[in-house]
Protein backbone atom coordinates (compact mmCIF):
# COMPACT_ATOMS: atom_id res chain seq x y z
CA MET A 1 -20.73 0.78 -9.27
CA GLU A 2 -21.65 1.58 -5.70
CA LEU A 3 -19.13 -0.04 -3.37
CA ASP A 4 -21.39 0.04 -0.28
CA LEU A 5 -18.65 1.35 2.00
CA ALA A 6 -20.81 3.74 4.03
CA GLY A 7 -20.44 2.94 7.72
CA LYS A 8 -17.16 1.06 7.27
CA ARG A 9 -14.05 2.24 9.13
CA ALA A 10 -10.70 1.82 7.41
CA LEU A 11 -7.06 2.14 8.42
CA VAL A 12 -4.53 2.79 5.65
CA SER A 13 -0.93 2.57 6.78
CA GLY A 14 1.57 4.89 5.12
CA SER A 15 -1.12 7.16 3.73
CA THR A 16 0.08 10.76 3.90
CA GLN A 17 1.17 10.71 0.25
CA GLY A 18 1.39 8.56 -2.86
CA ILE A 19 -0.56 5.33 -3.25
CA GLY A 20 -1.69 5.28 0.38
CA TYR A 21 -3.10 8.78 0.14
CA ALA A 22 -4.92 7.89 -3.10
CA ILE A 23 -6.40 4.82 -1.41
CA ALA A 24 -7.58 6.89 1.55
CA GLU A 25 -9.14 9.48 -0.76
CA THR A 26 -10.94 6.83 -2.81
CA LEU A 27 -12.32 5.10 0.28
CA LEU A 28 -13.58 8.45 1.60
CA GLN A 29 -15.25 9.22 -1.73
CA GLU A 30 -17.01 5.86 -1.46
CA GLY A 31 -18.39 6.72 1.98
CA ALA A 32 -15.99 5.02 4.38
CA THR A 33 -14.39 6.76 7.32
CA VAL A 34 -10.60 6.57 7.22
CA ILE A 35 -7.70 6.65 9.66
CA LEU A 36 -4.51 7.93 8.05
CA ASN A 37 -1.03 6.98 9.19
CA GLY A 38 2.35 8.59 8.63
CA ARG A 39 5.68 8.94 10.36
CA SER A 40 5.20 12.46 11.75
CA GLN A 41 2.25 14.28 13.24
CA ASN A 42 2.81 17.27 10.96
CA ARG A 43 2.57 15.10 7.83
CA VAL A 44 -0.52 13.34 9.16
CA ASP A 45 -2.26 16.61 10.08
CA ALA A 46 -1.48 18.13 6.68
CA ALA A 47 -2.84 15.07 4.84
CA VAL A 48 -6.00 15.07 6.95
CA GLU A 49 -6.64 18.71 6.07
CA ARG A 50 -6.03 18.10 2.36
CA LEU A 51 -8.54 15.27 2.35
CA ARG A 52 -11.14 17.28 4.24
CA THR A 53 -10.81 19.92 1.55
CA ALA A 54 -10.88 17.42 -1.32
CA VAL A 55 -13.80 15.27 -0.11
CA ALA A 56 -16.85 17.05 1.23
CA GLY A 57 -17.87 15.72 4.63
CA ALA A 58 -14.86 13.41 4.82
CA GLY A 59 -14.71 11.41 8.03
CA VAL A 60 -10.95 11.31 8.28
CA THR A 61 -8.56 11.26 11.23
CA GLY A 62 -4.90 10.34 11.60
CA ILE A 63 -2.42 8.61 13.86
CA ALA A 64 1.32 9.27 13.57
CA ALA A 65 3.60 6.25 14.00
CA ASP A 66 6.90 5.14 12.50
CA PHE A 67 6.85 1.36 12.05
CA ALA A 68 10.61 1.27 12.59
CA ASP A 69 10.05 2.39 16.21
CA PRO A 70 8.49 -0.30 18.48
CA ALA A 71 7.24 2.27 21.02
CA GLN A 72 5.36 4.19 18.35
CA VAL A 73 3.92 0.96 16.96
CA ASP A 74 2.66 -0.01 20.43
CA ARG A 75 1.02 3.40 20.80
CA LEU A 76 -0.68 3.06 17.42
CA LEU A 77 -1.97 -0.44 18.14
CA GLY A 78 -3.37 0.69 21.46
CA SER A 79 -5.33 3.60 19.99
CA LEU A 80 -7.00 2.05 16.94
CA GLY A 81 -10.39 0.97 18.19
CA GLU A 82 -12.61 -1.04 15.86
CA VAL A 83 -11.55 -1.26 12.23
CA ASP A 84 -13.46 -2.98 9.41
CA ILE A 85 -10.91 -2.51 6.62
CA LEU A 86 -7.14 -2.75 6.97
CA VAL A 87 -4.96 -1.65 4.07
CA ASN A 88 -1.33 -2.60 4.67
CA ASN A 89 0.36 -0.08 2.41
CA VAL A 90 3.30 1.39 4.32
CA GLY A 91 6.67 0.63 2.75
CA VAL A 92 10.13 1.91 1.95
CA PHE A 93 12.26 1.39 -1.14
CA ASP A 94 15.52 2.46 -2.69
CA VAL A 95 18.01 1.35 -5.32
CA LYS A 96 21.13 -0.23 -3.82
CA GLU A 97 23.74 -2.83 -4.68
CA PHE A 98 23.21 -6.09 -2.79
CA GLY A 99 26.71 -6.05 -1.29
CA ASP A 100 26.14 -2.57 0.13
CA ILE A 101 22.95 -3.41 2.03
CA THR A 102 23.77 -3.72 5.72
CA ASP A 103 22.07 -6.01 8.23
CA ASP A 104 20.51 -2.96 9.88
CA GLU A 105 18.97 -1.95 6.56
CA TRP A 106 17.61 -5.45 6.03
CA HIS A 107 16.03 -5.34 9.50
CA ARG A 108 14.54 -1.90 8.81
CA TYR A 109 12.99 -3.09 5.57
CA PHE A 110 11.43 -6.09 7.26
CA ASP A 111 10.21 -4.02 10.23
CA ILE A 112 8.45 -1.51 7.97
CA ASN A 113 7.43 -3.50 4.89
CA VAL A 114 6.57 -6.83 6.52
CA MET A 115 6.22 -6.58 10.29
CA SER A 116 3.84 -3.60 9.97
CA GLY A 117 1.40 -5.95 8.23
CA VAL A 118 1.99 -8.67 10.80
CA GLN A 119 1.39 -6.31 13.73
CA LEU A 120 -1.68 -4.60 12.30
CA SER A 121 -3.26 -7.84 11.09
CA ARG A 122 -2.64 -9.53 14.45
CA ARG A 123 -4.33 -6.59 16.18
CA LEU A 124 -7.36 -6.30 13.87
CA LEU A 125 -8.07 -9.62 12.18
CA GLY A 126 -9.40 -11.34 15.31
CA ARG A 127 -12.29 -8.91 15.71
CA MET A 128 -13.13 -9.14 12.01
CA LEU A 129 -13.42 -12.91 12.39
CA GLU A 130 -15.56 -12.52 15.52
CA VAL A 131 -18.10 -10.23 13.84
CA GLY A 132 -17.98 -12.18 10.58
CA TRP A 133 -16.95 -9.38 8.22
CA GLY A 134 -13.77 -7.56 7.37
CA ARG A 135 -11.24 -6.79 4.69
CA VAL A 136 -7.45 -6.97 4.76
CA VAL A 137 -5.59 -5.76 1.69
CA PHE A 138 -1.83 -5.85 1.24
CA VAL A 139 -0.29 -3.44 -1.26
CA ALA A 140 2.67 -5.39 -2.58
CA SER A 141 4.52 -5.04 -5.88
CA GLU A 142 5.43 -6.88 -9.05
CA SER A 143 8.95 -6.65 -7.59
CA GLY A 144 7.92 -9.38 -5.16
CA VAL A 145 7.64 -11.77 -8.11
CA ASN A 146 10.29 -10.42 -10.47
CA VAL A 147 12.83 -9.23 -7.89
CA PRO A 148 15.05 -6.41 -9.23
CA GLY A 149 18.77 -7.06 -8.96
CA ASP A 150 19.35 -3.53 -7.67
CA MET A 151 16.47 -3.65 -5.15
CA ILE A 152 16.77 -7.13 -3.72
CA HIS A 153 15.93 -6.08 -0.16
CA TYR A 154 12.73 -4.41 -1.40
CA GLY A 155 11.71 -7.34 -3.60
CA VAL A 156 12.29 -9.87 -0.83
CA THR A 157 10.02 -7.96 1.58
CA LYS A 158 7.31 -7.68 -1.07
CA ALA A 159 7.55 -11.44 -1.65
CA ALA A 160 7.11 -11.88 2.10
CA MET A 161 3.97 -9.73 1.96
CA LEU A 162 2.56 -12.10 -0.66
CA ALA A 163 3.23 -15.05 1.62
CA LEU A 164 1.71 -13.30 4.62
CA GLY A 165 -1.48 -12.45 2.76
CA ASN A 166 -1.75 -15.99 1.43
CA GLY A 167 -1.40 -17.50 4.88
CA LEU A 168 -3.80 -15.10 6.61
CA ALA A 169 -6.49 -15.78 4.02
CA LYS A 170 -6.56 -19.41 5.14
CA LEU A 171 -7.64 -18.24 8.60
CA THR A 172 -10.83 -16.72 7.18
CA ARG A 173 -12.39 -19.93 5.86
CA GLY A 174 -16.19 -19.90 6.09
CA THR A 175 -16.42 -16.25 7.21
CA GLY A 176 -17.21 -12.93 5.56
CA VAL A 177 -13.60 -11.82 6.00
CA THR A 178 -11.23 -11.70 3.06
CA VAL A 179 -7.49 -11.14 2.70
CA ASN A 180 -6.07 -10.18 -0.69
CA THR A 181 -2.88 -8.72 -2.11
CA VAL A 182 -2.42 -6.20 -4.91
CA LEU A 183 0.69 -6.46 -7.08
CA GLY A 184 1.28 -2.90 -8.19
CA GLY A 185 3.50 -1.98 -11.11
CA PRO A 186 5.82 1.01 -11.52
CA THR A 187 3.72 3.88 -10.16
CA TYR A 188 4.33 7.62 -10.30
CA SER A 189 3.96 8.12 -6.57
CA ASP A 190 5.34 11.12 -4.70
CA GLY A 191 8.56 9.30 -3.85
CA VAL A 192 9.12 8.18 -7.43
CA ALA A 193 8.24 11.65 -8.73
CA GLN A 194 10.84 13.22 -6.46
CA ALA A 195 13.54 10.80 -7.60
CA VAL A 196 12.67 11.22 -11.29
CA THR A 197 12.66 15.01 -10.96
CA GLN A 198 16.13 14.95 -9.36
CA ILE A 199 17.48 12.75 -12.15
CA ALA A 200 15.90 14.95 -14.84
CA ASP A 201 17.49 18.04 -13.31
CA ALA A 202 20.88 16.36 -13.04
CA GLN A 203 20.75 15.19 -16.67
CA ASN A 204 19.27 18.45 -17.96
CA MET A 205 16.26 16.60 -19.40
CA SER A 206 12.61 17.53 -19.37
CA LEU A 207 10.58 15.60 -16.83
CA GLU A 208 8.24 14.19 -19.47
CA ASP A 209 11.13 13.05 -21.67
CA LEU A 210 12.73 11.22 -18.77
CA LYS A 211 9.43 9.60 -17.74
CA SER A 212 8.96 8.39 -21.31
CA ALA A 213 12.52 7.07 -21.46
CA ILE A 214 12.10 5.16 -18.19
CA ALA A 215 8.80 3.68 -19.37
CA ALA A 216 10.33 2.69 -22.71
CA GLY A 217 13.15 0.95 -20.87
CA ASN A 218 10.64 -1.33 -19.12
CA ARG A 219 10.40 -3.81 -21.97
CA THR A 220 7.73 -6.01 -20.37
CA SER A 221 5.24 -3.21 -19.67
CA LEU A 222 2.14 -3.29 -21.86
CA LEU A 223 1.01 0.19 -20.79
CA GLU A 224 4.41 1.71 -21.60
CA ARG A 225 3.92 4.38 -18.94
CA PHE A 226 3.93 4.83 -15.21
CA LEU A 227 0.73 3.92 -13.40
CA GLU A 228 -1.01 6.67 -11.47
CA PRO A 229 -1.67 6.09 -7.74
CA ARG A 230 -5.43 6.27 -8.32
CA GLU A 231 -5.22 3.24 -10.62
CA ILE A 232 -3.94 1.16 -7.70
CA ALA A 233 -6.42 2.79 -5.33
CA ASP A 234 -9.44 1.83 -7.43
CA LEU A 235 -8.58 -1.87 -7.21
CA VAL A 236 -7.88 -1.63 -3.49
CA ALA A 237 -11.22 0.11 -2.90
CA TYR A 238 -13.04 -2.69 -4.71
CA LEU A 239 -11.25 -5.35 -2.67
CA ALA A 240 -12.12 -3.40 0.50
CA SER A 241 -15.80 -3.42 -0.36
CA PRO A 242 -18.64 -5.92 0.14
CA ARG A 243 -18.74 -6.25 -3.67
CA SER A 244 -15.54 -8.31 -3.61
CA SER A 245 -16.97 -11.08 -1.42
CA ALA A 246 -15.99 -13.87 -3.84
CA THR A 247 -12.34 -12.78 -3.99
CA ASN A 248 -10.22 -14.18 -1.17
CA GLY A 249 -6.63 -15.32 -0.88
CA ALA A 250 -5.84 -13.75 -4.23
CA ALA A 251 -2.84 -11.86 -5.58
CA LEU A 252 -4.29 -9.45 -8.12
CA ARG A 253 -2.12 -7.60 -10.61
CA ALA A 254 -2.40 -3.87 -11.26
CA ASP A 255 1.01 -3.85 -12.90
CA GLY A 256 0.32 -2.50 -16.37
CA GLY A 257 1.17 -5.90 -17.83
CA THR A 258 4.72 -5.84 -16.47
CA LEU A 259 4.52 -9.47 -15.34
CA THR A 260 2.81 -10.78 -18.47
CA ALA A 261 6.05 -12.17 -19.90
CA ILE A 262 6.96 -13.79 -16.56
CA LEU A 263 3.83 -15.40 -15.11
C-alpha cells in the first residue's frame, strides 16, 4: 500500500533510537521528510547519518532538546517551522517501587512523557487546523491501561497521554486533521535490550533464553514474544498518512494481544 507521504514533513520526538528511530526510518522510506529529536546533539547527528545511509535520498534533519529542560524545549519550539505530522514518542521508563519514587521523579516523568506532547501539540496543531490537514500520533503503552505495580509513575503518564490524545481529537471536528494514540506492547527497543542484556549477564543466561523466559512470564500476551520496533512503526506510519483519514480520536492497540484479557 502506498501511504502517499511524499511532500509531508514530520517531527518524531525521542527518535535517535528504538521505536522513535524505527518510526522515523519508516516515514522516510514512505517519502516523508523527517526531523529527528534526541537529548544530545551527538546522538542526533549520529542518528541522522545512520538514516541517510539506510534510506537513499533521505530528507532527514535533527534538533537536539531534552524535554526535562524548559530552555531547550523553548529553543526546539522556536526552530520547528511548518510540520504536517507530529509523532509524540519521547518517553522515559524504569522499574521502581511506588514508595521510592520521589516528587522530583514524578515531575520529570510528567515533563518528558506528558508535557512534551502538550507543548509540541500546542505549537503545531493550530497550523494543521488552519490548513485543514495534519496528523498527530501519540505513542503510548498498554501500561497506560493495565498499570504495572512496579512502574506506576510510567503507567500514570501513559494514561495521561491517552487522555490528551482523546481531548485533542475533539478539536479537529470537521477538518482533515486527526489525532490518534497507539498502545504499544512490550517492545524490544534499545533501552529494553540493554536492560535484558545486563540481566542475562548477571544471571549467566543466554540472551535468547532470557527473552523467551520474560515473554513466557507475560501470561496475557498472545504473541508470546517481544514486539520489534518496526511493528509499532508500521502502524504509526499508517496513522500518519492520508490513508488513515477515517481514523480519528482512536486508541489503537499494537500490543501483541497483551490487553485481550483486560479490555
